[in-house]
PDB file of N, CA and C in Angstrom:
ATOM      1  N   MET A   1      73.775 -56.180 -48.901  1.00  0.00           N
ATOM      2  CA  MET A   1      74.671 -55.115 -48.872  1.00  0.00           C
ATOM      3  C   MET A   1      74.992 -54.493 -50.170  1.00  0.00           C
ATOM      4  N   ILE A   2      74.798 -55.277 -51.189  1.00  0.00           N
ATOM      5  CA  ILE A   2      74.664 -54.555 -52.513  1.00  0.00           C
ATOM      6  C   ILE A   2      73.867 -53.120 -52.214  1.00  0.00           C
ATOM      7  N   ARG A   3      72.986 -53.269 -51.624  1.00  0.00           N
ATOM      8  CA  ARG A   3      71.634 -51.989 -51.458  1.00  0.00           C
ATOM      9  C   ARG A   3      72.184 -50.944 -51.404  1.00  0.00           C
ATOM     10  N   GLU A   4      73.056 -51.311 -49.767  1.00  0.00           N
ATOM     11  CA  GLU A   4      73.348 -50.308 -48.527  1.00  0.00           C
ATOM     12  C   GLU A   4      74.820 -49.297 -49.655  1.00  0.00           C
ATOM     13  N   ARG A   5      75.474 -50.397 -50.345  1.00  0.00           N
ATOM     14  CA  ARG A   5      76.522 -49.852 -51.255  1.00  0.00           C
ATOM     15  C   ARG A   5      76.135 -48.693 -52.287  1.00  0.00           C
ATOM     16  N   LEU A   6      75.050 -48.957 -52.737  1.00  0.00           N
ATOM     17  CA  LEU A   6      74.762 -48.316 -54.034  1.00  0.00           C
ATOM     18  C   LEU A   6      74.040 -47.163 -53.509  1.00  0.00           C
ATOM     19  N   VAL A   7      73.130 -46.924 -52.072  1.00  0.00           N
ATOM     20  CA  VAL A   7      72.648 -45.769 -51.279  1.00  0.00           C
ATOM     21  C   VAL A   7      73.979 -44.987 -50.946  1.00  0.00           C
ATOM     22  N   GLN A   8      74.869 -45.505 -50.615  1.00  0.00           N
ATOM     23  CA  GLN A   8      76.210 -44.591 -50.464  1.00  0.00           C
ATOM     24  C   GLN A   8      76.674 -44.195 -51.231  1.00  0.00           C
ATOM     25  N   GLU A   9      77.269 -45.017 -52.939  1.00  0.00           N
ATOM     26  CA  GLU A   9      77.226 -43.989 -53.791  1.00  0.00           C
ATOM     27  C   GLU A   9      76.701 -43.083 -53.879  1.00  0.00           C
ATOM     28  N   TYR A  10      75.103 -43.284 -54.364  1.00  0.00           N
ATOM     29  CA  TYR A  10      74.273 -42.201 -54.361  1.00  0.00           C
ATOM     30  C   TYR A  10      74.586 -41.090 -53.207  1.00  0.00           C
ATOM     31  N   LEU A  11      74.364 -41.256 -52.227  1.00  0.00           N
ATOM     32  CA  LEU A  11      75.004 -40.031 -51.104  1.00  0.00           C
ATOM     33  C   LEU A  11      76.145 -39.530 -51.733  1.00  0.00           C
ATOM     34  N   GLU A  12      76.900 -39.674 -51.504  1.00  0.00           N
ATOM     35  CA  GLU A  12      78.386 -39.584 -52.042  1.00  0.00           C
ATOM     36  C   GLU A  12      78.506 -38.912 -53.585  1.00  0.00           C
ATOM     37  N   ILE A  13      77.652 -38.735 -54.511  1.00  0.00           N
ATOM     38  CA  ILE A  13      77.635 -38.345 -55.792  1.00  0.00           C
ATOM     39  C   ILE A  13      77.056 -36.848 -55.022  1.00  0.00           C
ATOM     40  N   ILE A  14      75.688 -36.988 -54.552  1.00  0.00           N
ATOM     41  CA  ILE A  14      74.658 -35.716 -54.152  1.00  0.00           C
ATOM     42  C   ILE A  14      75.938 -34.934 -53.420  1.00  0.00           C
ATOM     43  N   ASN A  15      76.588 -35.392 -52.407  1.00  0.00           N
ATOM     44  CA  ASN A  15      77.681 -34.539 -51.468  1.00  0.00           C
ATOM     45  C   ASN A  15      78.716 -33.569 -52.470  1.00  0.00           C
ATOM     46  N   ARG A  16      79.017 -34.832 -53.508  1.00  0.00           N
ATOM     47  CA  ARG A  16      80.045 -34.099 -54.151  1.00  0.00           C
ATOM     48  C   ARG A  16      79.722 -32.538 -55.097  1.00  0.00           C
ATOM     49  N   TYR A  17      78.330 -33.145 -55.517  1.00  0.00           N
ATOM     50  CA  TYR A  17      78.133 -32.216 -56.927  1.00  0.00           C
ATOM     51  C   TYR A  17      77.004 -31.157 -56.384  1.00  0.00           C
ATOM     52  N   TYR A  18      76.274 -31.588 -55.225  1.00  0.00           N
ATOM     53  CA  TYR A  18      74.931 -30.511 -54.411  1.00  0.00           C
ATOM     54  C   TYR A  18      74.949 -30.807 -53.123  1.00  0.00           C
ATOM     55  N   PRO A  19      76.269 -29.952 -52.326  1.00  0.00           N
ATOM     56  CA  PRO A  19      76.581 -30.005 -51.048  1.00  0.00           C
ATOM     57  C   PRO A  19      75.375 -29.848 -50.274  1.00  0.00           C
ATOM     58  N   LYS A  20      74.760 -28.769 -50.775  1.00  0.00           N
ATOM     59  CA  LYS A  20      73.562 -28.173 -49.877  1.00  0.00           C
ATOM     60  C   LYS A  20      72.289 -29.316 -49.856  1.00  0.00           C
ATOM     61  N   VAL A  21      72.016 -29.845 -50.942  1.00  0.00           N
ATOM     62  CA  VAL A  21      71.027 -31.180 -50.814  1.00  0.00           C
ATOM     63  C   VAL A  21      71.584 -32.141 -50.031  1.00  0.00           C
ATOM     64  N   GLY A  22      73.120 -32.600 -49.822  1.00  0.00           N
ATOM     65  CA  GLY A  22      73.361 -33.375 -48.955  1.00  0.00           C
ATOM     66  C   GLY A  22      73.383 -33.378 -47.911  1.00  0.00           C
ATOM     67  N   ASP A  23      73.436 -31.992 -47.268  1.00  0.00           N
ATOM     68  CA  ASP A  23      73.334 -31.469 -45.868  1.00  0.00           C
ATOM     69  C   ASP A  23      72.023 -31.659 -45.608  1.00  0.00           C
ATOM     70  N   LEU A  24      70.990 -31.520 -46.047  1.00  0.00           N
ATOM     71  CA  LEU A  24      69.454 -31.852 -46.018  1.00  0.00           C
ATOM     72  C   LEU A  24      69.073 -33.502 -45.804  1.00  0.00           C
ATOM     73  N   LEU A  25      70.046 -34.176 -46.976  1.00  0.00           N
ATOM     74  CA  LEU A  25      69.965 -35.879 -46.476  1.00  0.00           C
ATOM     75  C   LEU A  25      69.853 -36.229 -45.266  1.00  0.00           C
ATOM     76  N   LYS A  26      71.023 -35.430 -44.810  1.00  0.00           N
ATOM     77  CA  LYS A  26      71.725 -36.167 -43.019  1.00  0.00           C
ATOM     78  C   LYS A  26      70.095 -35.897 -42.382  1.00  0.00           C
ATOM     79  N   ASP A  27      69.492 -35.057 -42.574  1.00  0.00           N
ATOM     80  CA  ASP A  27      67.892 -35.248 -41.703  1.00  0.00           C
ATOM     81  C   ASP A  27      67.275 -36.501 -42.116  1.00  0.00           C
ATOM     82  N   CYS A  28      67.516 -36.900 -43.278  1.00  0.00           N
ATOM     83  CA  CYS A  28      66.411 -38.294 -43.876  1.00  0.00           C
ATOM     84  C   CYS A  28      67.342 -39.465 -43.916  1.00  0.00           C
ATOM     85  N   HIS A  29      66.004 -40.186 -43.983  1.00  0.00           N
ATOM     86  CA  HIS A  29      66.619 -41.620 -43.828  1.00  0.00           C
ATOM     87  C   HIS A  29      66.502 -42.011 -45.794  1.00  0.00           C
ATOM     88  N   VAL A  30      67.424 -42.791 -46.013  1.00  0.00           N
ATOM     89  CA  VAL A  30      67.695 -42.757 -47.326  1.00  0.00           C
ATOM     90  C   VAL A  30      67.652 -44.487 -47.934  1.00  0.00           C
ATOM     91  N   THR A  31      66.682 -44.975 -48.545  1.00  0.00           N
ATOM     92  CA  THR A  31      66.680 -46.658 -48.883  1.00  0.00           C
ATOM     93  C   THR A  31      66.139 -46.997 -50.394  1.00  0.00           C
ATOM     94  N   LEU A  32      67.034 -48.341 -50.517  1.00  0.00           N
ATOM     95  CA  LEU A  32      66.616 -48.414 -52.053  1.00  0.00           C
ATOM     96  C   LEU A  32      65.234 -49.748 -51.901  1.00  0.00           C
ATOM     97  N   CYS A  33      64.550 -49.196 -52.760  1.00  0.00           N
ATOM     98  CA  CYS A  33      63.437 -50.614 -52.652  1.00  0.00           C
ATOM     99  C   CYS A  33      63.416 -51.014 -54.185  1.00  0.00           C
ATOM    100  N   GLN A  34      62.753 -52.366 -54.140  1.00  0.00           N
ATOM    101  CA  GLN A  34      62.770 -53.001 -55.324  1.00  0.00           C
ATOM    102  C   GLN A  34      61.182 -53.263 -55.601  1.00  0.00           C
ATOM    103  N   VAL A  35      60.724 -53.225 -56.977  1.00  0.00           N
ATOM    104  CA  VAL A  35      59.461 -53.588 -57.352  1.00  0.00           C
ATOM    105  C   VAL A  35      59.579 -54.125 -58.894  1.00  0.00           C
ATOM    106  N   SER A  36      58.807 -55.425 -58.672  1.00  0.00           N
ATOM    107  CA  SER A  36      58.530 -55.964 -59.633  1.00  0.00           C
ATOM    108  C   SER A  36      57.206 -55.824 -60.092  1.00  0.00           C
ATOM    109  N   LEU A  37      56.775 -55.611 -61.553  1.00  0.00           N
ATOM    110  CA  LEU A  37      56.073 -55.151 -62.471  1.00  0.00           C
ATOM    111  C   LEU A  37      55.462 -56.557 -63.148  1.00  0.00           C
ATOM    112  N   ARG A  38      56.020 -57.218 -63.003  1.00  0.00           N
ATOM    113  CA  ARG A  38      55.489 -58.968 -63.702  1.00  0.00           C
ATOM    114  C   ARG A  38      55.515 -59.853 -62.436  1.00  0.00           C
ATOM    115  N   LYS A  39      55.002 -61.088 -62.708  1.00  0.00           N
ATOM    116  CA  LYS A  39      55.566 -61.919 -62.038  1.00  0.00           C
ATOM    117  C   LYS A  39      56.651 -62.713 -61.888  1.00  0.00           C
ATOM    118  N   SER A  40      57.297 -62.570 -63.196  1.00  0.00           N
ATOM    119  CA  SER A  40      58.552 -62.906 -63.440  1.00  0.00           C
ATOM    120  C   SER A  40      59.800 -62.559 -62.393  1.00  0.00           C
ATOM    121  N   ARG A  41      60.442 -63.011 -61.983  1.00  0.00           N
ATOM    122  CA  ARG A  41      61.554 -62.519 -61.164  1.00  0.00           C
ATOM    123  C   ARG A  41      62.536 -62.027 -61.534  1.00  0.00           C
ATOM    124  N   GLU A  42      62.438 -62.084 -63.037  1.00  0.00           N
ATOM    125  CA  GLU A  42      63.889 -61.405 -63.853  1.00  0.00           C
ATOM    126  C   GLU A  42      63.467 -59.904 -63.879  1.00  0.00           C
ATOM    127  N   ASN A  43      62.431 -59.689 -63.910  1.00  0.00           N
ATOM    128  CA  ASN A  43      62.194 -57.564 -64.180  1.00  0.00           C
ATOM    129  C   ASN A  43      62.168 -56.899 -62.411  1.00  0.00           C
ATOM    130  N   HIS A  44      63.365 -56.501 -62.385  1.00  0.00           N
ATOM    131  CA  HIS A  44      63.020 -55.730 -61.126  1.00  0.00           C
ATOM    132  C   HIS A  44      63.664 -54.945 -61.205  1.00  0.00           C
ATOM    133  N   TYR A  45      62.670 -53.656 -60.793  1.00  0.00           N
ATOM    134  CA  TYR A  45      63.087 -52.388 -60.991  1.00  0.00           C
ATOM    135  C   TYR A  45      63.390 -51.690 -59.609  1.00  0.00           C
ATOM    136  N   TYR A  46      64.546 -50.657 -59.436  1.00  0.00           N
ATOM    137  CA  TYR A  46      65.044 -50.250 -58.269  1.00  0.00           C
ATOM    138  C   TYR A  46      64.528 -49.163 -58.082  1.00  0.00           C
ATOM    139  N   TYR A  47      64.332 -48.078 -57.352  1.00  0.00           N
ATOM    140  CA  TYR A  47      63.949 -46.642 -56.960  1.00  0.00           C
ATOM    141  C   TYR A  47      64.609 -46.527 -54.984  1.00  0.00           C
ATOM    142  N   LEU A  48      65.005 -45.065 -55.033  1.00  0.00           N
ATOM    143  CA  LEU A  48      65.214 -44.668 -54.070  1.00  0.00           C
ATOM    144  C   LEU A  48      63.667 -44.108 -53.173  1.00  0.00           C
ATOM    145  N   ALA A  49      63.429 -44.208 -51.761  1.00  0.00           N
ATOM    146  CA  ALA A  49      62.757 -43.783 -50.859  1.00  0.00           C
ATOM    147  C   ALA A  49      63.415 -43.026 -49.983  1.00  0.00           C
ATOM    148  N   ILE A  50      63.115 -41.487 -49.946  1.00  0.00           N
ATOM    149  CA  ILE A  50      63.844 -40.596 -48.837  1.00  0.00           C
ATOM    150  C   ILE A  50      62.675 -40.100 -48.224  1.00  0.00           C
ATOM    151  N   TYR A  51      62.843 -40.927 -46.578  1.00  0.00           N
ATOM    152  CA  TYR A  51      61.839 -40.575 -45.727  1.00  0.00           C
ATOM    153  C   TYR A  51      62.521 -39.142 -44.898  1.00  0.00           C
ATOM    154  N   TYR A  52      61.432 -38.381 -44.825  1.00  0.00           N
ATOM    155  CA  TYR A  52      61.844 -36.926 -44.176  1.00  0.00           C
ATOM    156  C   TYR A  52      60.941 -36.834 -42.832  1.00  0.00           C
ATOM    157  N   SER A  53      61.453 -35.776 -41.918  1.00  0.00           N
ATOM    158  CA  SER A  53      60.426 -35.818 -40.834  1.00  0.00           C
ATOM    159  C   SER A  53      60.442 -34.247 -40.465  1.00  0.00           C
ATOM    160  N   SER A  54      61.188 -33.539 -40.400  1.00  0.00           N
ATOM    161  CA  SER A  54      61.780 -32.164 -40.047  1.00  0.00           C
ATOM    162  C   SER A  54      61.443 -30.968 -41.055  1.00  0.00           C
ATOM    163  N   PRO A  55      60.777 -29.992 -40.928  1.00  0.00           N
ATOM    164  CA  PRO A  55      60.443 -28.959 -41.985  1.00  0.00           C
ATOM    165  C   PRO A  55      61.793 -28.717 -42.725  1.00  0.00           C
ATOM    166  N   ARG A  56      62.851 -28.569 -42.114  1.00  0.00           N
ATOM    167  CA  ARG A  56      64.071 -28.257 -42.793  1.00  0.00           C
ATOM    168  C   ARG A  56      64.543 -29.236 -43.830  1.00  0.00           C
ATOM    169  N   SER A  57      64.079 -30.647 -43.568  1.00  0.00           N
ATOM    170  CA  SER A  57      64.282 -31.511 -44.271  1.00  0.00           C
ATOM    171  C   SER A  57      63.175 -31.934 -45.449  1.00  0.00           C
ATOM    172  N   LYS A  58      62.150 -31.412 -45.220  1.00  0.00           N
ATOM    173  CA  LYS A  58      61.112 -31.637 -46.067  1.00  0.00           C
ATOM    174  C   LYS A  58      61.703 -30.457 -47.562  1.00  0.00           C
ATOM    175  N   THR A  59      62.231 -29.627 -47.165  1.00  0.00           N
ATOM    176  CA  THR A  59      62.773 -28.465 -48.274  1.00  0.00           C
ATOM    177  C   THR A  59      63.630 -29.552 -49.659  1.00  0.00           C
ATOM    178  N   VAL A  60      64.000 -31.005 -49.196  1.00  0.00           N
ATOM    179  CA  VAL A  60      64.601 -31.485 -50.060  1.00  0.00           C
ATOM    180  C   VAL A  60      63.855 -32.357 -51.110  1.00  0.00           C
ATOM    181  N   VAL A  61      62.609 -31.696 -50.819  1.00  0.00           N
ATOM    182  CA  VAL A  61      61.546 -32.440 -51.931  1.00  0.00           C
ATOM    183  C   VAL A  61      61.646 -30.912 -52.897  1.00  0.00           C
ATOM    184  N   SER A  62      62.014 -29.987 -52.598  1.00  0.00           N
ATOM    185  CA  SER A  62      62.267 -29.047 -54.204  1.00  0.00           C
ATOM    186  C   SER A  62      63.470 -29.065 -54.952  1.00  0.00           C
ATOM    187  N   TYR A  63      64.241 -30.206 -54.065  1.00  0.00           N
ATOM    188  CA  TYR A  63      65.660 -30.647 -55.131  1.00  0.00           C
ATOM    189  C   TYR A  63      65.108 -31.906 -56.070  1.00  0.00           C
ATOM    190  N   GLN A  64      63.986 -32.305 -56.039  1.00  0.00           N
ATOM    191  CA  GLN A  64      63.591 -33.415 -56.607  1.00  0.00           C
ATOM    192  C   GLN A  64      64.251 -34.003 -57.726  1.00  0.00           C
ATOM    193  N   ASN A  65      64.247 -33.025 -58.803  1.00  0.00           N
ATOM    194  CA  ASN A  65      64.741 -32.887 -60.393  1.00  0.00           C
ATOM    195  C   ASN A  65      66.226 -33.239 -60.184  1.00  0.00           C
ATOM    196  N   GLU A  66      67.003 -32.823 -58.962  1.00  0.00           N
ATOM    197  CA  GLU A  66      68.521 -32.953 -59.173  1.00  0.00           C
ATOM    198  C   GLU A  66      68.720 -34.142 -58.854  1.00  0.00           C
ATOM    199  N   LEU A  67      68.043 -34.675 -57.830  1.00  0.00           N
ATOM    200  CA  LEU A  67      67.973 -36.007 -56.886  1.00  0.00           C
ATOM    201  C   LEU A  67      67.460 -37.134 -57.976  1.00  0.00           C
ATOM    202  N   LYS A  68      66.486 -36.890 -58.531  1.00  0.00           N
ATOM    203  CA  LYS A  68      66.087 -37.924 -59.590  1.00  0.00           C
ATOM    204  C   LYS A  68      66.990 -38.225 -60.875  1.00  0.00           C
ATOM    205  N   GLU A  69      67.651 -36.780 -61.217  1.00  0.00           N
ATOM    206  CA  GLU A  69      68.604 -37.176 -62.069  1.00  0.00           C
ATOM    207  C   GLU A  69      69.822 -38.081 -61.852  1.00  0.00           C
ATOM    208  N   VAL A  70      70.237 -37.971 -60.516  1.00  0.00           N
ATOM    209  CA  VAL A  70      71.463 -38.885 -60.188  1.00  0.00           C
ATOM    210  C   VAL A  70      70.905 -39.885 -60.147  1.00  0.00           C
ATOM    211  N   ALA A  71      70.058 -40.292 -59.504  1.00  0.00           N
ATOM    212  CA  ALA A  71      69.267 -41.845 -59.643  1.00  0.00           C
ATOM    213  C   ALA A  71      69.408 -42.408 -61.008  1.00  0.00           C
ATOM    214  N   GLU A  72      68.738 -41.786 -61.710  1.00  0.00           N
ATOM    215  CA  GLU A  72      68.769 -42.099 -62.983  1.00  0.00           C
ATOM    216  C   GLU A  72      69.884 -42.605 -63.815  1.00  0.00           C
ATOM    217  N   ASN A  73      70.925 -41.667 -62.982  1.00  0.00           N
ATOM    218  CA  ASN A  73      72.490 -41.992 -64.133  1.00  0.00           C
ATOM    219  C   ASN A  73      72.818 -43.271 -63.147  1.00  0.00           C
ATOM    220  N   LEU A  74      72.193 -43.720 -62.249  1.00  0.00           N
ATOM    221  CA  LEU A  74      72.986 -44.814 -61.168  1.00  0.00           C
ATOM    222  C   LEU A  74      71.927 -46.113 -61.662  1.00  0.00           C
ATOM    223  N   GLY A  75      70.917 -45.596 -62.758  1.00  0.00           N
ATOM    224  CA  GLY A  75      70.151 -47.063 -62.857  1.00  0.00           C
ATOM    225  C   GLY A  75      68.597 -47.303 -62.417  1.00  0.00           C
ATOM    226  N   LEU A  76      68.783 -46.198 -61.438  1.00  0.00           N
ATOM    227  CA  LEU A  76      67.159 -46.216 -60.817  1.00  0.00           C
ATOM    228  C   LEU A  76      66.426 -45.528 -61.494  1.00  0.00           C
ATOM    229  N   VAL A  77      64.945 -46.465 -61.119  1.00  0.00           N
ATOM    230  CA  VAL A  77      63.791 -45.701 -62.340  1.00  0.00           C
ATOM    231  C   VAL A  77      63.237 -44.389 -61.648  1.00  0.00           C
ATOM    232  N   ASP A  78      63.018 -44.503 -60.398  1.00  0.00           N
ATOM    233  CA  ASP A  78      62.547 -43.298 -59.573  1.00  0.00           C
ATOM    234  C   ASP A  78      63.323 -42.666 -58.249  1.00  0.00           C
ATOM    235  N   VAL A  79      63.076 -41.925 -57.579  1.00  0.00           N
ATOM    236  CA  VAL A  79      62.647 -41.257 -56.558  1.00  0.00           C
ATOM    237  C   VAL A  79      61.848 -40.728 -55.559  1.00  0.00           C
ATOM    238  N   THR A  80      61.352 -41.573 -54.621  1.00  0.00           N
ATOM    239  CA  THR A  80      59.934 -41.076 -53.887  1.00  0.00           C
ATOM    240  C   THR A  80      60.289 -40.377 -52.691  1.00  0.00           C
ATOM    241  N   PHE A  81      59.533 -39.669 -52.359  1.00  0.00           N
ATOM    242  CA  PHE A  81      59.299 -38.802 -50.922  1.00  0.00           C
ATOM    243  C   PHE A  81      58.261 -39.082 -49.875  1.00  0.00           C
ATOM    244  N   LEU A  82      58.691 -39.335 -48.837  1.00  0.00           N
ATOM    245  CA  LEU A  82      57.602 -40.296 -47.917  1.00  0.00           C
ATOM    246  C   LEU A  82      57.968 -39.471 -46.294  1.00  0.00           C
ATOM    247  N   ASN A  83      56.995 -38.636 -45.782  1.00  0.00           N
ATOM    248  CA  ASN A  83      56.948 -38.078 -44.586  1.00  0.00           C
ATOM    249  C   ASN A  83      56.812 -39.310 -43.676  1.00  0.00           C
ATOM    250  N   ALA A  84      58.109 -39.164 -42.657  1.00  0.00           N
ATOM    251  CA  ALA A  84      57.998 -40.608 -42.331  1.00  0.00           C
ATOM    252  C   ALA A  84      57.052 -40.120 -40.746  1.00  0.00           C
ATOM    253  N   LYS A  85      57.125 -39.088 -40.152  1.00  0.00           N
ATOM    254  CA  LYS A  85      56.206 -38.743 -38.997  1.00  0.00           C
ATOM    255  C   LYS A  85      54.919 -39.381 -39.650  1.00  0.00           C
ATOM    256  N   THR A  86      54.178 -38.940 -40.472  1.00  0.00           N
ATOM    257  CA  THR A  86      52.762 -39.745 -41.020  1.00  0.00           C
ATOM    258  C   THR A  86      52.940 -41.128 -40.972  1.00  0.00           C
ATOM    259  N   LEU A  87      53.920 -41.669 -41.703  1.00  0.00           N
ATOM    260  CA  LEU A  87      53.531 -43.025 -41.601  1.00  0.00           C
ATOM    261  C   LEU A  87      53.679 -43.910 -40.106  1.00  0.00           C
ATOM    262  N   ILE A  88      54.499 -43.239 -39.307  1.00  0.00           N
ATOM    263  CA  ILE A  88      54.766 -43.629 -37.841  1.00  0.00           C
ATOM    264  C   ILE A  88      53.340 -43.542 -37.139  1.00  0.00           C
ATOM    265  N   ARG A  89      52.972 -42.315 -37.485  1.00  0.00           N
ATOM    266  CA  ARG A  89      51.803 -41.995 -36.409  1.00  0.00           C
ATOM    267  C   ARG A  89      50.226 -42.419 -37.187  1.00  0.00           C
ATOM    268  N   ASP A  90      50.493 -42.973 -38.022  1.00  0.00           N
ATOM    269  CA  ASP A  90      49.297 -43.597 -38.883  1.00  0.00           C
ATOM    270  C   ASP A  90      49.011 -44.508 -38.088  1.00  0.00           C
ATOM    271  N   PRO A  91      47.565 -44.547 -37.638  1.00  0.00           N
ATOM    272  CA  PRO A  91      47.168 -45.776 -36.926  1.00  0.00           C
ATOM    273  C   PRO A  91      46.753 -47.263 -37.967  1.00  0.00           C
ATOM    274  N   LEU A  92      46.733 -47.070 -39.104  1.00  0.00           N
ATOM    275  CA  LEU A  92      46.208 -48.225 -39.936  1.00  0.00           C
ATOM    276  C   LEU A  92      47.462 -48.687 -40.518  1.00  0.00           C
ATOM    277  N   SER A  93      48.398 -48.053 -40.338  1.00  0.00           N
ATOM    278  CA  SER A  93      49.680 -48.232 -40.947  1.00  0.00           C
ATOM    279  C   SER A  93      50.205 -49.812 -40.580  1.00  0.00           C
ATOM    280  N   GLN A  94      50.667 -50.775 -41.479  1.00  0.00           N
ATOM    281  CA  GLN A  94      51.292 -52.135 -40.949  1.00  0.00           C
ATOM    282  C   GLN A  94      52.610 -52.243 -41.146  1.00  0.00           C
ATOM    283  N   LEU A  95      53.315 -50.928 -41.246  1.00  0.00           N
ATOM    284  CA  LEU A  95      54.726 -50.903 -41.287  1.00  0.00           C
ATOM    285  C   LEU A  95      55.493 -51.675 -39.868  1.00  0.00           C
ATOM    286  N   LYS A  96      55.048 -51.284 -38.963  1.00  0.00           N
ATOM    287  CA  LYS A  96      55.441 -51.798 -37.646  1.00  0.00           C
ATOM    288  C   LYS A  96      55.572 -53.580 -37.753  1.00  0.00           C
ATOM    289  N   GLN A  97      54.464 -54.031 -38.536  1.00  0.00           N
ATOM    290  CA  GLN A  97      54.503 -55.524 -38.346  1.00  0.00           C
ATOM    291  C   GLN A  97      55.386 -56.060 -39.561  1.00  0.00           C
ATOM    292  N   GLN A  98      55.040 -55.533 -40.849  1.00  0.00           N
ATOM    293  CA  GLN A  98      55.647 -56.014 -42.028  1.00  0.00           C
ATOM    294  C   GLN A  98      57.354 -55.765 -41.952  1.00  0.00           C
ATOM    295  N   ASN A  99      57.350 -54.568 -41.623  1.00  0.00           N
ATOM    296  CA  ASN A  99      58.983 -54.624 -41.416  1.00  0.00           C
ATOM    297  C   ASN A  99      59.694 -53.534 -40.354  1.00  0.00           C
ATOM    298  N   PRO A 100      59.668 -54.245 -39.059  1.00  0.00           N
ATOM    299  CA  PRO A 100      59.868 -53.717 -37.649  1.00  0.00           C
ATOM    300  C   PRO A 100      61.055 -52.774 -37.702  1.00  0.00           C
ATOM    301  N   ARG A 101      62.130 -53.136 -38.663  1.00  0.00           N
ATOM    302  CA  ARG A 101      63.640 -52.273 -38.393  1.00  0.00           C
ATOM    303  C   ARG A 101      63.307 -51.103 -39.135  1.00  0.00           C
ATOM    304  N   LEU A 102      62.835 -51.134 -40.372  1.00  0.00           N
ATOM    305  CA  LEU A 102      62.516 -49.821 -41.237  1.00  0.00           C
ATOM    306  C   LEU A 102      61.535 -48.798 -40.094  1.00  0.00           C
ATOM    307  N   TRP A 103      60.558 -49.577 -39.341  1.00  0.00           N
ATOM    308  CA  TRP A 103      59.869 -48.770 -38.534  1.00  0.00           C
ATOM    309  C   TRP A 103      60.567 -48.055 -37.445  1.00  0.00           C
ATOM    310  N   LEU A 104      61.623 -48.929 -36.831  1.00  0.00           N
ATOM    311  CA  LEU A 104      62.337 -48.183 -35.563  1.00  0.00           C
ATOM    312  C   LEU A 104      63.239 -47.234 -36.216  1.00  0.00           C
ATOM    313  N   GLU A 105      63.910 -47.342 -37.348  1.00  0.00           N
ATOM    314  CA  GLU A 105      65.054 -46.446 -38.130  1.00  0.00           C
ATOM    315  C   GLU A 105      63.790 -44.961 -38.225  1.00  0.00           C
ATOM    316  N   LEU A 106      62.670 -45.162 -38.937  1.00  0.00           N
ATOM    317  CA  LEU A 106      61.948 -44.024 -39.356  1.00  0.00           C
ATOM    318  C   LEU A 106      61.348 -43.325 -37.836  1.00  0.00           C
ATOM    319  N   TYR A 107      60.781 -43.929 -36.632  1.00  0.00           N
ATOM    320  CA  TYR A 107      60.709 -43.750 -35.150  1.00  0.00           C
ATOM    321  C   TYR A 107      61.710 -42.753 -34.763  1.00  0.00           C
ATOM    322  N   TRP A 108      63.120 -43.489 -34.844  1.00  0.00           N
ATOM    323  CA  TRP A 108      64.558 -42.727 -34.501  1.00  0.00           C
ATOM    324  C   TRP A 108      64.564 -41.208 -35.178  1.00  0.00           C
ATOM    325  N   LEU A 109      64.430 -41.372 -36.368  1.00  0.00           N
ATOM    326  CA  LEU A 109      64.336 -40.245 -37.268  1.00  0.00           C
ATOM    327  C   LEU A 109      63.350 -39.020 -37.172  1.00  0.00           C
ATOM    328  N   VAL A 110      61.934 -39.556 -36.590  1.00  0.00           N
ATOM    329  CA  VAL A 110      61.243 -38.473 -36.390  1.00  0.00           C
ATOM    330  C   VAL A 110      61.170 -37.996 -34.882  1.00  0.00           C
ATOM    331  N   ASN A 111      61.786 -39.005 -33.593  1.00  0.00           N
ATOM    332  CA  ASN A 111      62.160 -38.563 -32.464  1.00  0.00           C
ATOM    333  C   ASN A 111      63.565 -37.336 -32.526  1.00  0.00           C
ATOM    334  N   LEU A 112      64.170 -37.373 -33.630  1.00  0.00           N
ATOM    335  CA  LEU A 112      65.469 -36.733 -33.362  1.00  0.00           C
ATOM    336  C   LEU A 112      65.206 -35.155 -33.542  1.00  0.00           C
ATOM    337  N   ASN A 113      63.848 -34.998 -34.351  1.00  0.00           N
ATOM    338  CA  ASN A 113      63.308 -33.777 -34.793  1.00  0.00           C
ATOM    339  C   ASN A 113      62.199 -33.088 -34.195  1.00  0.00           C
ATOM    340  N   SER A 114      61.664 -34.061 -32.806  1.00  0.00           N
ATOM    341  CA  SER A 114      60.573 -33.643 -32.277  1.00  0.00           C
ATOM    342  C   SER A 114      60.258 -33.928 -31.066  1.00  0.00           C
ATOM    343  N   GLU A 115      59.297 -33.939 -30.212  1.00  0.00           N
ATOM    344  CA  GLU A 115      58.759 -34.875 -28.723  1.00  0.00           C
ATOM    345  C   GLU A 115      59.145 -35.836 -29.080  1.00  0.00           C
ATOM    346  N   PRO A 116      59.223 -36.949 -27.953  1.00  0.00           N
ATOM    347  CA  PRO A 116      58.448 -38.127 -28.193  1.00  0.00           C
ATOM    348  C   PRO A 116      57.216 -38.552 -28.653  1.00  0.00           C
ATOM    349  N   LEU A 117      56.810 -39.598 -29.297  1.00  0.00           N
ATOM    350  CA  LEU A 117      55.209 -39.936 -29.347  1.00  0.00           C
ATOM    351  C   LEU A 117      54.906 -40.344 -28.397  1.00  0.00           C
ATOM    352  N   ARG A 118      53.415 -40.614 -28.549  1.00  0.00           N
ATOM    353  CA  ARG A 118      52.626 -40.891 -27.313  1.00  0.00           C
ATOM    354  C   ARG A 118      51.863 -42.173 -28.002  1.00  0.00           C
TER     355      ARG A 118
END
């Protein structure tokens, strides 16, 4: 619940200060990810993953400095950009088994902007 709220707050800030980028993010899937660099459960770091699929939404990568600046102001360590179509079509990907919900969301995102996968 807190993660979704932080993503929503991030998107609201982007829409307010960078409306063009906010419009591009409407074609993307934005999620908050957690990473631990040590085995200790105390040190958690959060970053944003932006999944894009269409050529139009790929231009969001050109605004990476602005997106990272806003993320850092919210206490996040980084923003990563991933091509959803590549992840979905990768035959070696374990995403479908490990995180079926994310896989379905990305599958939906990819199919909004292209022909159905076979």
